[in-house]
Amino acid sequence: LFVFSMPGLKIDLLRAHSPACVQVEEFGENRTWKSVLVQGTYDEL
């Protein structure tokens, strides 16, 4: 996953501890849903 950011707390925390998690969700009709969880490592470009 590629992300753009400005300096701030999340970048400070990720630089100190590279483990990260991303959650993506989608809600459909009639109470259906999907949720995906990514566990990985921060790598600053």
PDB file of all heavy atoms in Angstrom:
ATOM      1  N   LEU A   1       0.856  -1.171   0.000  1.00  0.00           N
ATOM      2  CA  LEU A   1       0.000   0.000   0.000  1.00  0.00           C
ATOM      3  C   LEU A   1       0.897   1.227   0.000  1.00  0.00           C
ATOM      4  O   LEU A   1       1.861   1.287   0.768  1.00  0.00           O
ATOM      5  CB  LEU A   1      -0.900   0.017   1.241  1.00  0.00           C
ATOM      6  CG  LEU A   1      -1.814  -1.184   1.456  1.00  0.00           C
ATOM      7  CD1 LEU A   1      -2.601  -1.014   2.743  1.00  0.00           C
ATOM      8  CD2 LEU A   1      -2.751  -1.381   0.284  1.00  0.00           C
ATOM      9  N   PHE A   2       0.598   2.195  -0.854  1.00  0.00           N
ATOM     10  CA  PHE A   2       1.359   3.444  -0.914  1.00  0.00           C
ATOM     11  C   PHE A   2       0.500   4.564  -0.359  1.00  0.00           C
ATOM     12  O   PHE A   2      -0.691   4.658  -0.673  1.00  0.00           O
ATOM     13  CB  PHE A   2       1.764   3.770  -2.354  1.00  0.00           C
ATOM     14  CG  PHE A   2       2.756   2.799  -2.919  1.00  0.00           C
ATOM     15  CD1 PHE A   2       2.347   1.767  -3.738  1.00  0.00           C
ATOM     16  CD2 PHE A   2       4.113   2.914  -2.623  1.00  0.00           C
ATOM     17  CE1 PHE A   2       3.253   0.865  -4.264  1.00  0.00           C
ATOM     18  CE2 PHE A   2       5.025   2.017  -3.140  1.00  0.00           C
ATOM     19  CZ  PHE A   2       4.600   0.991  -3.970  1.00  0.00           C
ATOM     20  N   VAL A   3       1.122   5.431   0.453  1.00  0.00           N
ATOM     21  CA  VAL A   3       0.403   6.488   1.151  1.00  0.00           C
ATOM     22  C   VAL A   3       1.213   7.773   1.081  1.00  0.00           C
ATOM     23  O   VAL A   3       2.449   7.754   1.108  1.00  0.00           O
ATOM     24  CB  VAL A   3       0.161   6.103   2.640  1.00  0.00           C
ATOM     25  CG1 VAL A   3      -0.643   7.166   3.359  1.00  0.00           C
ATOM     26  CG2 VAL A   3      -0.518   4.745   2.743  1.00  0.00           C
ATOM     27  N   PHE A   4       0.498   8.903   1.035  1.00  0.00           N
ATOM     28  CA  PHE A   4       1.095  10.233   1.099  1.00  0.00           C
ATOM     29  C   PHE A   4       0.735  10.851   2.443  1.00  0.00           C
ATOM     30  O   PHE A   4      -0.379  10.667   2.933  1.00  0.00           O
ATOM     31  CB  PHE A   4       0.544  11.107  -0.034  1.00  0.00           C
ATOM     32  CG  PHE A   4       0.836  12.566   0.135  1.00  0.00           C
ATOM     33  CD1 PHE A   4       2.089  13.068  -0.160  1.00  0.00           C
ATOM     34  CD2 PHE A   4      -0.133  13.438   0.593  1.00  0.00           C
ATOM     35  CE1 PHE A   4       2.362  14.414  -0.005  1.00  0.00           C
ATOM     36  CE2 PHE A   4       0.126  14.781   0.746  1.00  0.00           C
ATOM     37  CZ  PHE A   4       1.378  15.271   0.447  1.00  0.00           C
ATOM     38  N   SER A   5       1.665  11.590   3.019  1.00  0.00           N
ATOM     39  CA  SER A   5       1.396  12.242   4.295  1.00  0.00           C
ATOM     40  C   SER A   5       2.246  13.497   4.425  1.00  0.00           C
ATOM     41  O   SER A   5       3.208  13.700   3.688  1.00  0.00           O
ATOM     42  CB  SER A   5       1.734  11.295   5.460  1.00  0.00           C
ATOM     43  OG  SER A   5       1.479  11.915   6.699  1.00  0.00           O
ATOM     44  N   MET A   6       1.892  14.309   5.384  1.00  0.00           N
ATOM     45  CA  MET A   6       2.722  15.418   5.829  1.00  0.00           C
ATOM     46  C   MET A   6       3.331  14.980   7.163  1.00  0.00           C
ATOM     47  O   MET A   6       2.860  14.017   7.771  1.00  0.00           O
ATOM     48  CB  MET A   6       1.878  16.681   6.001  1.00  0.00           C
ATOM     49  CG  MET A   6       1.183  17.129   4.717  1.00  0.00           C
ATOM     50  SD  MET A   6       2.308  17.477   3.348  1.00  0.00           S
ATOM     51  CE  MET A   6       2.966  19.048   3.841  1.00  0.00           C
ATOM     52  N   PRO A   7       4.377  15.664   7.622  1.00  0.00           N
ATOM     53  CA  PRO A   7       4.948  15.298   8.927  1.00  0.00           C
ATOM     54  C   PRO A   7       3.889  15.416  10.026  1.00  0.00           C
ATOM     55  O   PRO A   7       2.995  16.243   9.946  1.00  0.00           O
ATOM     56  CB  PRO A   7       6.054  16.340   9.128  1.00  0.00           C
ATOM     57  CG  PRO A   7       6.381  16.823   7.763  1.00  0.00           C
ATOM     58  CD  PRO A   7       5.105  16.764   6.980  1.00  0.00           C
ATOM     59  N   GLY A   8       4.013  14.571  11.017  1.00  0.00           N
ATOM     60  CA  GLY A   8       3.067  14.599  12.125  1.00  0.00           C
ATOM     61  C   GLY A   8       3.251  13.389  13.012  1.00  0.00           C
ATOM     62  O   GLY A   8       4.211  12.625  12.865  1.00  0.00           O
ATOM     63  N   LEU A   9       2.304  13.198  13.906  1.00  0.00           N
ATOM     64  CA  LEU A   9       2.419  12.145  14.905  1.00  0.00           C
ATOM     65  C   LEU A   9       2.500  10.756  14.286  1.00  0.00           C
ATOM     66  O   LEU A   9       3.314   9.934  14.704  1.00  0.00           O
ATOM     67  CB  LEU A   9       1.257  12.224  15.895  1.00  0.00           C
ATOM     68  CG  LEU A   9       1.258  11.195  17.020  1.00  0.00           C
ATOM     69  CD1 LEU A   9       2.548  11.273  17.840  1.00  0.00           C
ATOM     70  CD2 LEU A   9       0.039  11.372  17.904  1.00  0.00           C
ATOM     71  N   LYS A  10       1.673  10.461  13.278  1.00  0.00           N
ATOM     72  CA  LYS A  10       1.710   9.102  12.711  1.00  0.00           C
ATOM     73  C   LYS A  10       3.071   8.796  12.112  1.00  0.00           C
ATOM     74  O   LYS A  10       3.588   7.696  12.268  1.00  0.00           O
ATOM     75  CB  LYS A  10       0.576   8.868  11.720  1.00  0.00           C
ATOM     76  CG  LYS A  10       0.755   9.446  10.356  1.00  0.00           C
ATOM     77  CD  LYS A  10      -0.385   8.997   9.441  1.00  0.00           C
ATOM     78  CE  LYS A  10      -0.457   9.829   8.206  1.00  0.00           C
ATOM     79  NZ  LYS A  10      -0.904  11.195   8.427  1.00  0.00           N
ATOM     80  N   ILE A  11       3.675   9.770  11.445  1.00  0.00           N
ATOM     81  CA  ILE A  11       4.996   9.556  10.852  1.00  0.00           C
ATOM     82  C   ILE A  11       6.036   9.378  11.958  1.00  0.00           C
ATOM     83  O   ILE A  11       6.886   8.482  11.884  1.00  0.00           O
ATOM     84  CB  ILE A  11       5.380  10.708   9.902  1.00  0.00           C
ATOM     85  CG1 ILE A  11       4.397  10.782   8.733  1.00  0.00           C
ATOM     86  CG2 ILE A  11       6.812  10.573   9.423  1.00  0.00           C
ATOM     87  CD1 ILE A  11       4.323   9.538   7.866  1.00  0.00           C
ATOM     88  N   ASP A  12       5.964  10.187  13.001  1.00  0.00           N
ATOM     89  CA  ASP A  12       6.892  10.030  14.133  1.00  0.00           C
ATOM     90  C   ASP A  12       6.770   8.637  14.746  1.00  0.00           C
ATOM     91  O   ASP A  12       7.781   7.982  15.029  1.00  0.00           O
ATOM     92  CB  ASP A  12       6.611  11.083  15.213  1.00  0.00           C
ATOM     93  CG  ASP A  12       6.921  12.497  14.758  1.00  0.00           C
ATOM     94  OD1 ASP A  12       7.649  12.668  13.749  1.00  0.00           O
ATOM     95  OD2 ASP A  12       6.422  13.441  15.404  1.00  0.00           O
ATOM     96  N   LEU A  13       5.533   8.178  14.945  1.00  0.00           N
ATOM     97  CA  LEU A  13       5.319   6.862  15.549  1.00  0.00           C
ATOM     98  C   LEU A  13       5.783   5.739  14.623  1.00  0.00           C
ATOM     99  O   LEU A  13       6.391   4.768  15.075  1.00  0.00           O
ATOM    100  CB  LEU A  13       3.851   6.688  15.913  1.00  0.00           C
ATOM    101  CG  LEU A  13       3.310   7.604  17.018  1.00  0.00           C
ATOM    102  CD1 LEU A  13       1.803   7.455  17.147  1.00  0.00           C
ATOM    103  CD2 LEU A  13       4.009   7.347  18.335  1.00  0.00           C
ATOM    104  N   LEU A  14       5.484   5.848  13.338  1.00  0.00           N
ATOM    105  CA  LEU A  14       5.895   4.810  12.389  1.00  0.00           C
ATOM    106  C   LEU A  14       7.416   4.758  12.239  1.00  0.00           C
ATOM    107  O   LEU A  14       7.987   3.681  12.069  1.00  0.00           O
ATOM    108  CB  LEU A  14       5.228   5.040  11.032  1.00  0.00           C
ATOM    109  CG  LEU A  14       3.734   4.726  10.994  1.00  0.00           C
ATOM    110  CD1 LEU A  14       3.084   5.324   9.754  1.00  0.00           C
ATOM    111  CD2 LEU A  14       3.500   3.224  11.054  1.00  0.00           C
ATOM    112  N   ARG A  15       8.063   5.903  12.299  1.00  0.00           N
ATOM    113  CA  ARG A  15       9.532   5.918  12.226  1.00  0.00           C
ATOM    114  C   ARG A  15      10.139   5.238  13.457  1.00  0.00           C
ATOM    115  O   ARG A  15      11.172   4.583  13.369  1.00  0.00           O
ATOM    116  CB  ARG A  15      10.038   7.349  12.122  1.00  0.00           C
ATOM    117  CG  ARG A  15       9.849   7.957  10.746  1.00  0.00           C
ATOM    118  CD  ARG A  15      10.234   9.421  10.724  1.00  0.00           C
ATOM    119  NE  ARG A  15      10.162   9.975   9.379  1.00  0.00           N
ATOM    120  CZ  ARG A  15      10.168  11.274   9.113  1.00  0.00           C
ATOM    121  NH1 ARG A  15      10.235  12.163  10.102  1.00  0.00           N
ATOM    122  NH2 ARG A  15      10.104  11.682   7.867  1.00  0.00           N
ATOM    123  N   ALA A  16       9.485   5.383  14.605  1.00  0.00           N
ATOM    124  CA  ALA A  16       9.986   4.778  15.840  1.00  0.00           C
ATOM    125  C   ALA A  16       9.691   3.281  15.911  1.00  0.00           C
ATOM    126  O   ALA A  16      10.480   2.511  16.459  1.00  0.00           O
ATOM    127  CB  ALA A  16       9.383   5.491  17.056  1.00  0.00           C
ATOM    128  N   HIS A  17       8.540   2.879  15.364  1.00  0.00           N
ATOM    129  CA  HIS A  17       8.098   1.473  15.405  1.00  0.00           C
ATOM    130  C   HIS A  17       7.455   1.157  14.060  1.00  0.00           C
ATOM    131  O   HIS A  17       6.344   1.604  13.792  1.00  0.00           O
ATOM    132  CB  HIS A  17       7.073   1.243  16.523  1.00  0.00           C
ATOM    133  CG  HIS A  17       7.539   1.692  17.863  1.00  0.00           C
ATOM    134  ND1 HIS A  17       8.423   0.965  18.617  1.00  0.00           N
ATOM    135  CD2 HIS A  17       7.257   2.801  18.576  1.00  0.00           C
ATOM    136  CE1 HIS A  17       8.655   1.608  19.735  1.00  0.00           C
ATOM    137  NE2 HIS A  17       7.962   2.721  19.744  1.00  0.00           N
ATOM    138  N   SER A  18       8.115   0.366  13.245  1.00  0.00           N
ATOM    139  CA  SER A  18       7.658   0.148  11.873  1.00  0.00           C
ATOM    140  C   SER A  18       6.444  -0.762  11.687  1.00  0.00           C
ATOM    141  O   SER A  18       5.811  -0.707  10.638  1.00  0.00           O
ATOM    142  CB  SER A  18       8.809  -0.359  11.008  1.00  0.00           C
ATOM    143  OG  SER A  18       9.245  -1.620  11.455  1.00  0.00           O
ATOM    144  N   PRO A  19       6.054  -1.617  12.657  1.00  0.00           N
ATOM    145  CA  PRO A  19       4.843  -2.401  12.433  1.00  0.00           C
ATOM    146  C   PRO A  19       3.618  -1.497  12.264  1.00  0.00           C
ATOM    147  O   PRO A  19       3.464  -0.508  12.990  1.00  0.00           O
ATOM    148  CB  PRO A  19       4.715  -3.257  13.694  1.00  0.00           C
ATOM    149  CG  PRO A  19       6.090  -3.323  14.241  1.00  0.00           C
ATOM    150  CD  PRO A  19       6.719  -1.996  13.912  1.00  0.00           C
ATOM    151  N   ALA A  20       2.774  -1.843  11.298  1.00  0.00           N
ATOM    152  CA  ALA A  20       1.578  -1.048  11.027  1.00  0.00           C
ATOM    153  C   ALA A  20       0.446  -1.978  10.619  1.00  0.00           C
ATOM    154  O   ALA A  20       0.666  -3.114  10.208  1.00  0.00           O
ATOM    155  CB  ALA A  20       1.857  -0.049   9.912  1.00  0.00           C
ATOM    156  N   CYS A  21      -0.758  -1.451  10.723  1.00  0.00           N
ATOM    157  CA  CYS A  21      -1.943  -2.209  10.370  1.00  0.00           C
ATOM    158  C   CYS A  21      -2.890  -1.273   9.623  1.00  0.00           C
ATOM    159  O   CYS A  21      -3.033  -0.104  10.006  1.00  0.00           O
ATOM    160  CB  CYS A  21      -2.592  -2.716  11.659  1.00  0.00           C
ATOM    161  SG  CYS A  21      -3.929  -3.866  11.410  1.00  0.00           S
ATOM    162  N   VAL A  22      -3.498  -1.771   8.556  1.00  0.00           N
ATOM    163  CA  VAL A  22      -4.476  -0.995   7.801  1.00  0.00           C
ATOM    164  C   VAL A  22      -5.756  -1.816   7.713  1.00  0.00           C
ATOM    165  O   VAL A  22      -5.712  -3.006   7.407  1.00  0.00           O
ATOM    166  CB  VAL A  22      -3.959  -0.648   6.385  1.00  0.00           C
ATOM    167  CG1 VAL A  22      -5.039   0.048   5.568  1.00  0.00           C
ATOM    168  CG2 VAL A  22      -2.703   0.213   6.463  1.00  0.00           C
ATOM    169  N   GLN A  23      -6.886  -1.160   7.973  1.00  0.00           N
ATOM    170  CA  GLN A  23      -8.190  -1.806   7.896  1.00  0.00           C
ATOM    171  C   GLN A  23      -9.004  -1.052   6.856  1.00  0.00           C
ATOM    172  O   GLN A  23      -9.062   0.184   6.854  1.00  0.00           O
ATOM    173  CB  GLN A  23      -8.878  -1.777   9.259  1.00  0.00           C
ATOM    174  CG  GLN A  23     -10.177  -2.523   9.323  1.00  0.00           C
ATOM    175  CD  GLN A  23     -11.402  -1.651   9.094  1.00  0.00           C
ATOM    176  OE1 GLN A  23     -11.366  -0.441   9.196  1.00  0.00           O
ATOM    177  NE2 GLN A  23     -12.503  -2.290   8.777  1.00  0.00           N
ATOM    178  N   VAL A  24      -9.619  -1.809   5.944  1.00  0.00           N
ATOM    179  CA  VAL A  24     -10.461  -1.249   4.889  1.00  0.00           C
ATOM    180  C   VAL A  24     -11.813  -1.958   4.966  1.00  0.00           C
ATOM    181  O   VAL A  24     -11.862  -3.175   5.126  1.00  0.00           O
ATOM    182  CB  VAL A  24      -9.818  -1.452   3.497  1.00  0.00           C
ATOM    183  CG1 VAL A  24     -10.697  -0.867   2.404  1.00  0.00           C
ATOM    184  CG2 VAL A  24      -8.417  -0.844   3.457  1.00  0.00           C
ATOM    185  N   GLU A  25     -12.901  -1.192   4.854  1.00  0.00           N
ATOM    186  CA  GLU A  25     -14.218  -1.779   5.011  1.00  0.00           C
ATOM    187  C   GLU A  25     -15.177  -1.269   3.947  1.00  0.00           C
ATOM    188  O   GLU A  25     -14.939  -0.237   3.315  1.00  0.00           O
ATOM    189  CB  GLU A  25     -14.782  -1.455   6.393  1.00  0.00           C
ATOM    190  CG  GLU A  25     -14.978   0.030   6.597  1.00  0.00           C
ATOM    191  CD  GLU A  25     -15.213   0.403   8.038  1.00  0.00           C
ATOM    192  OE1 GLU A  25     -14.924  -0.398   8.936  1.00  0.00           O
ATOM    193  OE2 GLU A  25     -15.691   1.516   8.267  1.00  0.00           O
ATOM    194  N   GLU A  26     -16.250  -2.018   3.808  1.00  0.00           N
ATOM    195  CA  GLU A  26     -17.315  -1.648   2.880  1.00  0.00           C
ATOM    196  C   GLU A  26     -18.628  -2.158   3.456  1.00  0.00           C
ATOM    197  O   GLU A  26     -18.707  -3.310   3.896  1.00  0.00           O
ATOM    198  CB  GLU A  26     -17.049  -2.309   1.530  1.00  0.00           C
ATOM    199  CG  GLU A  26     -18.171  -2.179   0.522  1.00  0.00           C
ATOM    200  CD  GLU A  26     -17.857  -2.965  -0.736  1.00  0.00           C
ATOM    201  OE1 GLU A  26     -17.053  -2.470  -1.540  1.00  0.00           O
ATOM    202  OE2 GLU A  26     -18.391  -4.080  -0.876  1.00  0.00           O
ATOM    203  N   PHE A  27     -19.626  -1.287   3.467  1.00  0.00           N
ATOM    204  CA  PHE A  27     -20.940  -1.677   3.938  1.00  0.00           C
ATOM    205  C   PHE A  27     -21.887  -1.697   2.758  1.00  0.00           C
ATOM    206  O   PHE A  27     -21.925  -0.761   1.969  1.00  0.00           O
ATOM    207  CB  PHE A  27     -21.450  -0.708   5.016  1.00  0.00           C
ATOM    208  CG  PHE A  27     -20.622  -0.750   6.263  1.00  0.00           C
ATOM    209  CD1 PHE A  27     -19.610   0.173   6.482  1.00  0.00           C
ATOM    210  CD2 PHE A  27     -20.855  -1.722   7.216  1.00  0.00           C
ATOM    211  CE1 PHE A  27     -18.842   0.122   7.627  1.00  0.00           C
ATOM    212  CE2 PHE A  27     -20.091  -1.785   8.372  1.00  0.00           C
ATOM    213  CZ  PHE A  27     -19.077  -0.859   8.574  1.00  0.00           C
ATOM    214  N   GLY A  28     -22.647  -2.793   2.627  1.00  0.00           N
ATOM    215  CA  GLY A  28     -23.587  -2.942   1.530  1.00  0.00           C
ATOM    216  C   GLY A  28     -25.022  -2.852   2.003  1.00  0.00           C
ATOM    217  O   GLY A  28     -25.303  -2.459   3.135  1.00  0.00           O
ATOM    218  N   GLU A  29     -25.899  -3.273   1.135  1.00  0.00           N
ATOM    219  CA  GLU A  29     -27.326  -3.276   1.470  1.00  0.00           C
ATOM    220  C   GLU A  29     -27.653  -4.479   2.353  1.00  0.00           C
ATOM    221  O   GLU A  29     -26.936  -5.469   2.374  1.00  0.00           O
ATOM    222  CB  GLU A  29     -28.148  -3.327   0.187  1.00  0.00           C
ATOM    223  CG  GLU A  29     -27.985  -2.092  -0.668  1.00  0.00           C
ATOM    224  CD  GLU A  29     -28.798  -2.161  -1.940  1.00  0.00           C
ATOM    225  OE1 GLU A  29     -29.694  -3.021  -2.038  1.00  0.00           O
ATOM    226  OE2 GLU A  29     -28.528  -1.342  -2.832  1.00  0.00           O
ATOM    227  N   ASN A  30     -28.753  -4.365   3.062  1.00  0.00           N
ATOM    228  CA  ASN A  30     -29.260  -5.463   3.897  1.00  0.00           C
ATOM    229  C   ASN A  30     -28.236  -5.969   4.919  1.00  0.00           C
ATOM    230  O   ASN A  30     -28.088  -7.171   5.110  1.00  0.00           O
ATOM    231  CB  ASN A  30     -29.764  -6.615   3.032  1.00  0.00           C
ATOM    232  CG  ASN A  30     -30.873  -6.176   2.109  1.00  0.00           C
ATOM    233  OD1 ASN A  30     -31.741  -5.415   2.512  1.00  0.00           O
ATOM    234  ND2 ASN A  30     -30.827  -6.628   0.868  1.00  0.00           N
ATOM    235  N   ARG A  31     -27.495  -5.053   5.511  1.00  0.00           N
ATOM    236  CA  ARG A  31     -26.537  -5.348   6.587  1.00  0.00           C
ATOM    237  C   ARG A  31     -25.364  -6.221   6.137  1.00  0.00           C
ATOM    238  O   ARG A  31     -24.734  -6.891   6.955  1.00  0.00           O
ATOM    239  CB  ARG A  31     -27.252  -5.965   7.784  1.00  0.00           C
ATOM    240  CG  ARG A  31     -28.277  -5.030   8.377  1.00  0.00           C
ATOM    241  CD  ARG A  31     -28.920  -5.518   9.641  1.00  0.00           C
ATOM    242  NE  ARG A  31     -28.826  -6.932   9.899  1.00  0.00           N
ATOM    243  CZ  ARG A  31     -29.822  -7.681  10.334  1.00  0.00           C
ATOM    244  NH1 ARG A  31     -30.995  -7.151  10.534  1.00  0.00           N
ATOM    245  NH2 ARG A  31     -29.649  -8.966  10.568  1.00  0.00           N
ATOM    246  N   THR A  32     -25.062  -6.253   4.854  1.00  0.00           N
ATOM    247  CA  THR A  32     -23.876  -6.976   4.392  1.00  0.00           C
ATOM    248  C   THR A  32     -22.663  -6.061   4.542  1.00  0.00           C
ATOM    249  O   THR A  32     -22.787  -4.836   4.540  1.00  0.00           O
ATOM    250  CB  THR A  32     -24.012  -7.424   2.921  1.00  0.00           C
ATOM    251  OG1 THR A  32     -24.161  -6.270   2.095  1.00  0.00           O
ATOM    252  CG2 THR A  32     -25.193  -8.356   2.756  1.00  0.00           C
ATOM    253  N   TRP A  33     -21.490  -6.661   4.697  1.00  0.00           N
ATOM    254  CA  TRP A  33     -20.266  -5.883   4.821  1.00  0.00           C
ATOM    255  C   TRP A  33     -19.058  -6.747   4.511  1.00  0.00           C
ATOM    256  O   TRP A  33     -19.125  -7.972   4.516  1.00  0.00           O
ATOM    257  CB  TRP A  33     -20.119  -5.246   6.198  1.00  0.00           C
ATOM    258  CG  TRP A  33     -20.195  -6.198   7.363  1.00  0.00           C
ATOM    259  CD1 TRP A  33     -21.307  -6.490   8.097  1.00  0.00           C
ATOM    260  CD2 TRP A  33     -19.135  -6.991   7.919  1.00  0.00           C
ATOM    261  NE1 TRP A  33     -21.000  -7.416   9.076  1.00  0.00           N
ATOM    262  CE2 TRP A  33     -19.664  -7.733   8.992  1.00  0.00           C
ATOM    263  CE3 TRP A  33     -17.787  -7.150   7.622  1.00  0.00           C
ATOM    264  CZ2 TRP A  33     -18.899  -8.606   9.760  1.00  0.00           C
ATOM    265  CZ3 TRP A  33     -17.030  -8.022   8.386  1.00  0.00           C
ATOM    266  CH2 TRP A  33     -17.577  -8.734   9.446  1.00  0.00           C
ATOM    267  N   LYS A  34     -17.936  -6.067   4.242  1.00  0.00           N
ATOM    268  CA  LYS A  34     -16.639  -6.716   4.078  1.00  0.00           C
ATOM    269  C   LYS A  34     -15.627  -5.881   4.838  1.00  0.00           C
ATOM    270  O   LYS A  34     -15.718  -4.658   4.879  1.00  0.00           O
ATOM    271  CB  LYS A  34     -16.212  -6.764   2.607  1.00  0.00           C
ATOM    272  CG  LYS A  34     -17.049  -7.663   1.754  1.00  0.00           C
ATOM    273  CD  LYS A  34     -16.526  -7.672   0.319  1.00  0.00           C
ATOM    274  CE  LYS A  34     -17.388  -8.556  -0.558  1.00  0.00           C
ATOM    275  NZ  LYS A  34     -16.885  -8.594  -1.946  1.00  0.00           N
ATOM    276  N   SER A  35     -14.656  -6.553   5.414  1.00  0.00           N
ATOM    277  CA  SER A  35     -13.579  -5.875   6.131  1.00  0.00           C
ATOM    278  C   SER A  35     -12.284  -6.638   5.890  1.00  0.00           C
ATOM    279  O   SER A  35     -12.236  -7.860   6.056  1.00  0.00           O
ATOM    280  CB  SER A  35     -13.889  -5.827   7.628  1.00  0.00           C
ATOM    281  OG  SER A  35     -12.821  -5.239   8.332  1.00  0.00           O
ATOM    282  N   VAL A  36     -11.253  -5.913   5.478  1.00  0.00           N
ATOM    283  CA  VAL A  36      -9.945  -6.521   5.228  1.00  0.00           C
ATOM    284  C   VAL A  36      -8.919  -5.850   6.131  1.00  0.00           C
ATOM    285  O   VAL A  36      -8.905  -4.631   6.293  1.00  0.00           O
ATOM    286  CB  VAL A  36      -9.546  -6.399   3.743  1.00  0.00           C
ATOM    287  CG1 VAL A  36      -8.101  -6.806   3.515  1.00  0.00           C
ATOM    288  CG2 VAL A  36     -10.478  -7.247   2.886  1.00  0.00           C
ATOM    289  N   LEU A  37      -8.065  -6.670   6.718  1.00  0.00           N
ATOM    290  CA  LEU A  37      -7.029  -6.206   7.630  1.00  0.00           C
ATOM    291  C   LEU A  37      -5.658  -6.554   7.059  1.00  0.00           C
ATOM    292  O   LEU A  37      -5.403  -7.705   6.701  1.00  0.00           O
ATOM    293  CB  LEU A  37      -7.207  -6.885   8.990  1.00  0.00           C
ATOM    294  CG  LEU A  37      -6.337  -6.384  10.126  1.00  0.00           C
ATOM    295  CD1 LEU A  37      -6.717  -4.959  10.488  1.00  0.00           C
ATOM    296  CD2 LEU A  37      -6.474  -7.296  11.319  1.00  0.00           C
ATOM    297  N   VAL A  38      -4.799  -5.554   6.981  1.00  0.00           N
ATOM    298  CA  VAL A  38      -3.425  -5.723   6.514  1.00  0.00           C
ATOM    299  C   VAL A  38      -2.493  -5.517   7.692  1.00  0.00           C
ATOM    300  O   VAL A  38      -2.608  -4.528   8.410  1.00  0.00           O
ATOM    301  CB  VAL A  38      -3.083  -4.682   5.417  1.00  0.00           C
ATOM    302  CG1 VAL A  38      -1.596  -4.665   5.123  1.00  0.00           C
ATOM    303  CG2 VAL A  38      -3.881  -4.937   4.163  1.00  0.00           C
ATOM    304  N   GLN A  39      -1.592  -6.448   7.892  1.00  0.00           N
ATOM    305  CA  GLN A  39      -0.534  -6.275   8.883  1.00  0.00           C
ATOM    306  C   GLN A  39       0.762  -6.246   8.107  1.00  0.00           C
ATOM    307  O   GLN A  39       1.012  -7.108   7.245  1.00  0.00           O
ATOM    308  CB  GLN A  39      -0.550  -7.414   9.891  1.00  0.00           C
ATOM    309  CG  GLN A  39      -1.818  -7.385  10.735  1.00  0.00           C
ATOM    310  CD  GLN A  39      -1.974  -8.627  11.566  1.00  0.00           C
ATOM    311  OE1 GLN A  39      -1.935  -9.738  11.049  1.00  0.00           O
ATOM    312  NE2 GLN A  39      -2.170  -8.441  12.864  1.00  0.00           N
ATOM    313  N   GLY A  40       1.575  -5.230   8.368  1.00  0.00           N
ATOM    314  CA  GLY A  40       2.803  -5.092   7.607  1.00  0.00           C
ATOM    315  C   GLY A  40       3.791  -4.159   8.256  1.00  0.00           C
ATOM    316  O   GLY A  40       3.715  -3.865   9.451  1.00  0.00           O
ATOM    317  N   THR A  41       4.694  -3.671   7.429  1.00  0.00           N
ATOM    318  CA  THR A  41       5.810  -2.869   7.903  1.00  0.00           C
ATOM    319  C   THR A  41       5.895  -1.557   7.136  1.00  0.00           C
ATOM    320  O   THR A  41       5.783  -1.548   5.907  1.00  0.00           O
ATOM    321  CB  THR A  41       7.130  -3.644   7.730  1.00  0.00           C
ATOM    322  OG1 THR A  41       7.006  -4.896   8.412  1.00  0.00           O
ATOM    323  CG2 THR A  41       8.304  -2.884   8.313  1.00  0.00           C
ATOM    324  N   TYR A  42       6.102  -0.472   7.866  1.00  0.00           N
ATOM    325  CA  TYR A  42       6.279   0.865   7.319  1.00  0.00           C
ATOM    326  C   TYR A  42       7.629   0.975   6.633  1.00  0.00           C
ATOM    327  O   TYR A  42       8.646   0.532   7.158  1.00  0.00           O
ATOM    328  CB  TYR A  42       6.189   1.870   8.469  1.00  0.00           C
ATOM    329  CG  TYR A  42       6.596   3.283   8.153  1.00  0.00           C
ATOM    330  CD1 TYR A  42       5.707   4.144   7.514  1.00  0.00           C
ATOM    331  CD2 TYR A  42       7.840   3.762   8.520  1.00  0.00           C
ATOM    332  CE1 TYR A  42       6.064   5.453   7.254  1.00  0.00           C
ATOM    333  CE2 TYR A  42       8.202   5.081   8.266  1.00  0.00           C
ATOM    334  CZ  TYR A  42       7.307   5.920   7.629  1.00  0.00           C
ATOM    335  OH  TYR A  42       7.667   7.216   7.365  1.00  0.00           O
ATOM    336  N   ASP A  43       7.629   1.573   5.452  1.00  0.00           N
ATOM    337  CA  ASP A  43       8.861   1.820   4.699  1.00  0.00           C
ATOM    338  C   ASP A  43       8.751   3.202   4.072  1.00  0.00           C
ATOM    339  O   ASP A  43       8.016   3.398   3.100  1.00  0.00           O
ATOM    340  CB  ASP A  43       9.053   0.756   3.617  1.00  0.00           C
ATOM    341  CG  ASP A  43      10.288   0.989   2.763  1.00  0.00           C
ATOM    342  OD1 ASP A  43      11.282   1.565   3.267  1.00  0.00           O
ATOM    343  OD2 ASP A  43      10.247   0.605   1.574  1.00  0.00           O
ATOM    344  N   GLU A  44       9.468   4.166   4.633  1.00  0.00           N
ATOM    345  CA  GLU A  44       9.422   5.530   4.116  1.00  0.00           C
ATOM    346  C   GLU A  44      10.216   5.630   2.815  1.00  0.00           C
ATOM    347  O   GLU A  44      11.352   5.154   2.725  1.00  0.00           O
ATOM    348  CB  GLU A  44       9.978   6.511   5.145  1.00  0.00           C
ATOM    349  CG  GLU A  44       9.771   7.952   4.757  1.00  0.00           C
ATOM    350  CD  GLU A  44      10.028   8.918   5.887  1.00  0.00           C
ATOM    351  OE1 GLU A  44       9.876   8.524   7.071  1.00  0.00           O
ATOM    352  OE2 GLU A  44      10.379  10.071   5.590  1.00  0.00           O
ATOM    353  N   LEU A  45       9.600   6.248   1.828  1.00  0.00           N
ATOM    354  CA  LEU A  45      10.262   6.469   0.546  1.00  0.00           C
ATOM    355  C   LEU A  45      10.911   7.841   0.614  1.00  0.00           C
ATOM    356  O   LEU A  45      10.349   8.850   0.182  1.00  0.00           O
ATOM    357  CB  LEU A  45       9.247   6.377  -0.594  1.00  0.00           C
ATOM    358  CG  LEU A  45       8.418   5.090  -0.625  1.00  0.00           C
ATOM    359  CD1 LEU A  45       7.379   5.137  -1.727  1.00  0.00           C
ATOM    360  CD2 LEU A  45       9.307   3.873  -0.765  1.00  0.00           C
TER     361      LEU A  45
END
